[in-house]
Amino acid sequence: MKNKLRELRTAKEWSQSDLADKLGVSRQTINAIETEKYDPSLPLAFKVAQLFKLPIEDIFEP
């Protein structure tokens, strides 16, 4: 699944660890999502959208 997570994270000047802490996941999970090796669960996708105050569709696309 394509996503804009890396761009959104770097725009806020957050490290992968910073974002992981805010979402309650590991840094490795953030890395895997950003490199499109892992698709987030629906609850995690909602948490990401809420954190960035964007609709899920603006962050993740099939």
PDB file of N, CA and C in Angstrom:
ATOM      1  N   MET A   1       0.843  -1.175   0.000  1.00  0.00           N
ATOM      2  CA  MET A   1       0.000   0.000   0.000  1.00  0.00           C
ATOM      3  C   MET A   1       0.892   1.244   0.000  1.00  0.00           C
ATOM      4  N   LYS A   2       0.667   2.110  -0.964  1.00  0.00           N
ATOM      5  CA  LYS A   2       1.441   3.354  -1.015  1.00  0.00           C
ATOM      6  C   LYS A   2       0.974   4.270   0.115  1.00  0.00           C
ATOM      7  N   ASN A   3       1.914   5.076   0.617  1.00  0.00           N
ATOM      8  CA  ASN A   3       1.546   5.995   1.687  1.00  0.00           C
ATOM      9  C   ASN A   3       2.468   7.210   1.684  1.00  0.00           C
ATOM     10  N   LYS A   4       2.038   8.235   2.405  1.00  0.00           N
ATOM     11  CA  LYS A   4       2.781   9.489   2.512  1.00  0.00           C
ATOM     12  C   LYS A   4       3.334   9.679   3.919  1.00  0.00           C
ATOM     13  N   LEU A   5       3.504   8.585   4.639  1.00  0.00           N
ATOM     14  CA  LEU A   5       3.901   8.694   6.041  1.00  0.00           C
ATOM     15  C   LEU A   5       5.258   9.363   6.207  1.00  0.00           C
ATOM     16  N   ARG A   6       6.235   8.968   5.402  1.00  0.00           N
ATOM     17  CA  ARG A   6       7.574   9.558   5.526  1.00  0.00           C
ATOM     18  C   ARG A   6       7.528  11.070   5.293  1.00  0.00           C
ATOM     19  N   GLU A   7       6.808  11.504   4.256  1.00  0.00           N
ATOM     20  CA  GLU A   7       6.724  12.932   3.962  1.00  0.00           C
ATOM     21  C   GLU A   7       6.056  13.705   5.103  1.00  0.00           C
ATOM     22  N   LEU A   8       4.985  13.145   5.632  1.00  0.00           N
ATOM     23  CA  LEU A   8       4.286  13.802   6.741  1.00  0.00           C
ATOM     24  C   LEU A   8       5.164  13.869   7.982  1.00  0.00           C
ATOM     25  N   ARG A   9       5.859  12.780   8.263  1.00  0.00           N
ATOM     26  CA  ARG A   9       6.727  12.714   9.447  1.00  0.00           C
ATOM     27  C   ARG A   9       7.871  13.714   9.332  1.00  0.00           C
ATOM     28  N   THR A  10       8.526  13.753   8.178  1.00  0.00           N
ATOM     29  CA  THR A  10       9.669  14.655   8.032  1.00  0.00           C
ATOM     30  C   THR A  10       9.236  16.124   8.020  1.00  0.00           C
ATOM     31  N   ALA A  11       8.031  16.397   7.542  1.00  0.00           N
ATOM     32  CA  ALA A  11       7.521  17.777   7.563  1.00  0.00           C
ATOM     33  C   ALA A  11       7.388  18.290   8.993  1.00  0.00           C
ATOM     34  N   LYS A  12       7.113  17.381   9.919  1.00  0.00           N
ATOM     35  CA  LYS A  12       6.998  17.761  11.339  1.00  0.00           C
ATOM     36  C   LYS A  12       8.341  17.642  12.062  1.00  0.00           C
ATOM     37  N   GLU A  13       9.380  17.222  11.311  1.00  0.00           N
ATOM     38  CA  GLU A  13      10.718  17.035  11.861  1.00  0.00           C
ATOM     39  C   GLU A  13      10.737  16.016  12.988  1.00  0.00           C
ATOM     40  N   TRP A  14       9.946  14.943  12.819  1.00  0.00           N
ATOM     41  CA  TRP A  14       9.923  13.840  13.768  1.00  0.00           C
ATOM     42  C   TRP A  14      10.791  12.713  13.233  1.00  0.00           C
ATOM     43  N   SER A  15      11.492  12.048  14.126  1.00  0.00           N
ATOM     44  CA  SER A  15      12.215  10.835  13.740  1.00  0.00           C
ATOM     45  C   SER A  15      11.216   9.681  13.685  1.00  0.00           C
ATOM     46  N   GLN A  16      11.660   8.567  13.144  1.00  0.00           N
ATOM     47  CA  GLN A  16      10.793   7.384  13.158  1.00  0.00           C
ATOM     48  C   GLN A  16      10.466   7.002  14.598  1.00  0.00           C
ATOM     49  N   SER A  17      11.452   7.149  15.484  1.00  0.00           N
ATOM     50  CA  SER A  17      11.210   6.825  16.906  1.00  0.00           C
ATOM     51  C   SER A  17      10.183   7.758  17.527  1.00  0.00           C
ATOM     52  N   ASP A  18      10.257   9.047  17.184  1.00  0.00           N
ATOM     53  CA  ASP A  18       9.274  10.013  17.701  1.00  0.00           C
ATOM     54  C   ASP A  18       7.868   9.604  17.296  1.00  0.00           C
ATOM     55  N   LEU A  19       7.702   9.291  16.011  1.00  0.00           N
ATOM     56  CA  LEU A  19       6.382   8.902  15.513  1.00  0.00           C
ATOM     57  C   LEU A  19       5.921   7.597  16.152  1.00  0.00           C
ATOM     58  N   ALA A  20       6.835   6.651  16.276  1.00  0.00           N
ATOM     59  CA  ALA A  20       6.496   5.369  16.899  1.00  0.00           C
ATOM     60  C   ALA A  20       5.991   5.582  18.322  1.00  0.00           C
ATOM     61  N   ASP A  21       6.663   6.444  19.078  1.00  0.00           N
ATOM     62  CA  ASP A  21       6.241   6.727  20.452  1.00  0.00           C
ATOM     63  C   ASP A  21       4.844   7.330  20.490  1.00  0.00           C
ATOM     64  N   LYS A  22       4.571   8.239  19.571  1.00  0.00           N
ATOM     65  CA  LYS A  22       3.252   8.893  19.543  1.00  0.00           C
ATOM     66  C   LYS A  22       2.130   7.913  19.188  1.00  0.00           C
ATOM     67  N   LEU A  23       2.483   6.876  18.409  1.00  0.00           N
ATOM     68  CA  LEU A  23       1.473   5.908  17.968  1.00  0.00           C
ATOM     69  C   LEU A  23       1.456   4.633  18.805  1.00  0.00           C
ATOM     70  N   GLY A  24       2.429   4.479  19.692  1.00  0.00           N
ATOM     71  CA  GLY A  24       2.468   3.291  20.536  1.00  0.00           C
ATOM     72  C   GLY A  24       2.905   2.036  19.801  1.00  0.00           C
ATOM     73  N   VAL A  25       3.794   2.216  18.807  1.00  0.00           N
ATOM     74  CA  VAL A  25       4.328   1.079  18.057  1.00  0.00           C
ATOM     75  C   VAL A  25       5.853   1.167  18.065  1.00  0.00           C
ATOM     76  N   SER A  26       6.510   0.184  17.480  1.00  0.00           N
ATOM     77  CA  SER A  26       7.977   0.198  17.423  1.00  0.00           C
ATOM     78  C   SER A  26       8.470   1.033  16.251  1.00  0.00           C
ATOM     79  N   ARG A  27       9.717   1.460  16.338  1.00  0.00           N
ATOM     80  CA  ARG A  27      10.337   2.183  15.229  1.00  0.00           C
ATOM     81  C   ARG A  27      10.385   1.306  13.987  1.00  0.00           C
ATOM     82  N   GLN A  28      10.592   0.007  14.194  1.00  0.00           N
ATOM     83  CA  GLN A  28      10.642  -0.930  13.078  1.00  0.00           C
ATOM     84  C   GLN A  28       9.308  -0.974  12.331  1.00  0.00           C
ATOM     85  N   THR A  29       8.206  -0.836  13.060  1.00  0.00           N
ATOM     86  CA  THR A  29       6.884  -0.808  12.425  1.00  0.00           C
ATOM     87  C   THR A  29       6.755   0.418  11.528  1.00  0.00           C
ATOM     88  N   ILE A  30       7.201   1.562  12.020  1.00  0.00           N
ATOM     89  CA  ILE A  30       7.149   2.787  11.216  1.00  0.00           C
ATOM     90  C   ILE A  30       8.002   2.623   9.961  1.00  0.00           C
ATOM     91  N   ASN A  31       9.201   2.087  10.129  1.00  0.00           N
ATOM     92  CA  ASN A  31      10.080   1.870   8.980  1.00  0.00           C
ATOM     93  C   ASN A  31       9.422   0.936   7.959  1.00  0.00           C
ATOM     94  N   ALA A  32       8.820  -0.135   8.432  1.00  0.00           N
ATOM     95  CA  ALA A  32       8.186  -1.102   7.529  1.00  0.00           C
ATOM     96  C   ALA A  32       7.010  -0.475   6.779  1.00  0.00           C
ATOM     97  N   ILE A  33       6.242   0.367   7.442  1.00  0.00           N
ATOM     98  CA  ILE A  33       5.124   1.049   6.773  1.00  0.00           C
ATOM     99  C   ILE A  33       5.661   2.027   5.733  1.00  0.00           C
ATOM    100  N   GLU A  34       6.670   2.811   6.109  1.00  0.00           N
ATOM    101  CA  GLU A  34       7.217   3.804   5.185  1.00  0.00           C
ATOM    102  C   GLU A  34       7.841   3.163   3.942  1.00  0.00           C
ATOM    103  N   THR A  35       8.434   2.008   4.100  1.00  0.00           N
ATOM    104  CA  THR A  35       9.065   1.323   2.963  1.00  0.00           C
ATOM    105  C   THR A  35       8.094   0.385   2.255  1.00  0.00           C
ATOM    106  N   GLU A  36       6.830   0.451   2.650  1.00  0.00           N
ATOM    107  CA  GLU A  36       5.735  -0.313   2.038  1.00  0.00           C
ATOM    108  C   GLU A  36       5.939  -1.827   2.119  1.00  0.00           C
ATOM    109  N   LYS A  37       6.602  -2.262   3.198  1.00  0.00           N
ATOM    110  CA  LYS A  37       6.783  -3.694   3.444  1.00  0.00           C
ATOM    111  C   LYS A  37       5.711  -4.228   4.390  1.00  0.00           C
ATOM    112  N   TYR A  38       4.940  -3.309   4.979  1.00  0.00           N
ATOM    113  CA  TYR A  38       3.914  -3.685   5.948  1.00  0.00           C
ATOM    114  C   TYR A  38       2.755  -2.718   5.802  1.00  0.00           C
ATOM    115  N   ASP A  39       1.555  -3.253   5.737  1.00  0.00           N
ATOM    116  CA  ASP A  39       0.350  -2.428   5.727  1.00  0.00           C
ATOM    117  C   ASP A  39      -0.168  -2.321   7.156  1.00  0.00           C
ATOM    118  N   PRO A  40      -0.442  -1.110   7.617  1.00  0.00           N
ATOM    119  CA  PRO A  40      -0.921  -0.960   8.992  1.00  0.00           C
ATOM    120  C   PRO A  40      -2.314  -1.549   9.170  1.00  0.00           C
ATOM    121  N   SER A  41      -2.591  -1.945  10.396  1.00  0.00           N
ATOM    122  CA  SER A  41      -3.949  -2.382  10.724  1.00  0.00           C
ATOM    123  C   SER A  41      -4.875  -1.171  10.594  1.00  0.00           C
ATOM    124  N   LEU A  42      -6.142  -1.439  10.494  1.00  0.00           N
ATOM    125  CA  LEU A  42      -7.109  -0.345  10.398  1.00  0.00           C
ATOM    126  C   LEU A  42      -7.069   0.563  11.636  1.00  0.00           C
ATOM    127  N   PRO A  43      -7.022   0.006  12.851  1.00  0.00           N
ATOM    128  CA  PRO A  43      -6.919   0.899  14.018  1.00  0.00           C
ATOM    129  C   PRO A  43      -5.660   1.778  13.979  1.00  0.00           C
ATOM    130  N   LEU A  44      -4.537   1.214  13.540  1.00  0.00           N
ATOM    131  CA  LEU A  44      -3.307   2.007  13.456  1.00  0.00           C
ATOM    132  C   LEU A  44      -3.425   3.075  12.375  1.00  0.00           C
ATOM    133  N   ALA A  45      -4.025   2.748  11.247  1.00  0.00           N
ATOM    134  CA  ALA A  45      -4.227   3.729  10.184  1.00  0.00           C
ATOM    135  C   ALA A  45      -5.090   4.889  10.681  1.00  0.00           C
ATOM    136  N   PHE A  46      -6.121   4.584  11.469  1.00  0.00           N
ATOM    137  CA  PHE A  46      -6.962   5.641  12.042  1.00  0.00           C
ATOM    138  C   PHE A  46      -6.160   6.509  13.011  1.00  0.00           C
ATOM    139  N   LYS A  47      -5.281   5.896  13.813  1.00  0.00           N
ATOM    140  CA  LYS A  47      -4.445   6.661  14.744  1.00  0.00           C
ATOM    141  C   LYS A  47      -3.512   7.596  13.984  1.00  0.00           C
ATOM    142  N   VAL A  48      -2.934   7.107  12.888  1.00  0.00           N
ATOM    143  CA  VAL A  48      -2.052   7.935  12.068  1.00  0.00           C
ATOM    144  C   VAL A  48      -2.839   9.119  11.508  1.00  0.00           C
ATOM    145  N   ALA A  49      -4.009   8.847  10.952  1.00  0.00           N
ATOM    146  CA  ALA A  49      -4.839   9.904  10.372  1.00  0.00           C
ATOM    147  C   ALA A  49      -5.220  10.945  11.426  1.00  0.00           C
ATOM    148  N   GLN A  50      -5.575  10.472  12.603  1.00  0.00           N
ATOM    149  CA  GLN A  50      -5.961  11.386  13.678  1.00  0.00           C
ATOM    150  C   GLN A  50      -4.764  12.233  14.112  1.00  0.00           C
ATOM    151  N   LEU A  51      -3.590  11.620  14.217  1.00  0.00           N
ATOM    152  CA  LEU A  51      -2.394  12.342  14.636  1.00  0.00           C
ATOM    153  C   LEU A  51      -2.057  13.465  13.660  1.00  0.00           C
ATOM    154  N   PHE A  52      -2.161  13.179  12.369  1.00  0.00           N
ATOM    155  CA  PHE A  52      -1.829  14.183  11.357  1.00  0.00           C
ATOM    156  C   PHE A  52      -3.028  15.040  10.948  1.00  0.00           C
ATOM    157  N   LYS A  53      -4.185  14.768  11.536  1.00  0.00           N
ATOM    158  CA  LYS A  53      -5.413  15.523  11.254  1.00  0.00           C
ATOM    159  C   LYS A  53      -5.741  15.525   9.764  1.00  0.00           C
ATOM    160  N   LEU A  54      -5.660  14.329   9.166  1.00  0.00           N
ATOM    161  CA  LEU A  54      -5.970  14.140   7.752  1.00  0.00           C
ATOM    162  C   LEU A  54      -6.878  12.930   7.583  1.00  0.00           C
ATOM    163  N   PRO A  55      -7.658  12.890   6.508  1.00  0.00           N
ATOM    164  CA  PRO A  55      -8.417  11.673   6.217  1.00  0.00           C
ATOM    165  C   PRO A  55      -7.449  10.534   5.867  1.00  0.00           C
ATOM    166  N   ILE A  56      -7.825   9.323   6.193  1.00  0.00           N
ATOM    167  CA  ILE A  56      -6.979   8.165   5.895  1.00  0.00           C
ATOM    168  C   ILE A  56      -6.600   8.139   4.420  1.00  0.00           C
ATOM    169  N   GLU A  57      -7.547   8.482   3.542  1.00  0.00           N
ATOM    170  CA  GLU A  57      -7.310   8.436   2.100  1.00  0.00           C
ATOM    171  C   GLU A  57      -6.214   9.394   1.652  1.00  0.00           C
ATOM    172  N   ASP A  58      -5.940  10.444   2.451  1.00  0.00           N
ATOM    173  CA  ASP A  58      -4.881  11.383   2.098  1.00  0.00           C
ATOM    174  C   ASP A  58      -3.496  10.838   2.484  1.00  0.00           C
ATOM    175  N   ILE A  59      -3.467   9.806   3.312  1.00  0.00           N
ATOM    176  CA  ILE A  59      -2.197   9.235   3.760  1.00  0.00           C
ATOM    177  C   ILE A  59      -1.905   7.915   3.084  1.00  0.00           C
ATOM    178  N   PHE A  60      -2.915   7.066   2.988  1.00  0.00           N
ATOM    179  CA  PHE A  60      -2.745   5.729   2.430  1.00  0.00           C
ATOM    180  C   PHE A  60      -3.584   5.569   1.171  1.00  0.00           C
ATOM    181  N   GLU A  61      -3.001   4.906   0.164  1.00  0.00           N
ATOM    182  CA  GLU A  61      -3.772   4.609  -1.048  1.00  0.00           C
ATOM    183  C   GLU A  61      -3.446   3.182  -1.499  1.00  0.00           C
ATOM    184  N   PRO A  62      -4.449   2.486  -2.028  1.00  0.00           N
ATOM    185  CA  PRO A  62      -4.217   1.099  -2.444  1.00  0.00           C
ATOM    186  C   PRO A  62      -3.279   0.985  -3.640  1.00  0.00           C
TER     187      PRO A  62
END
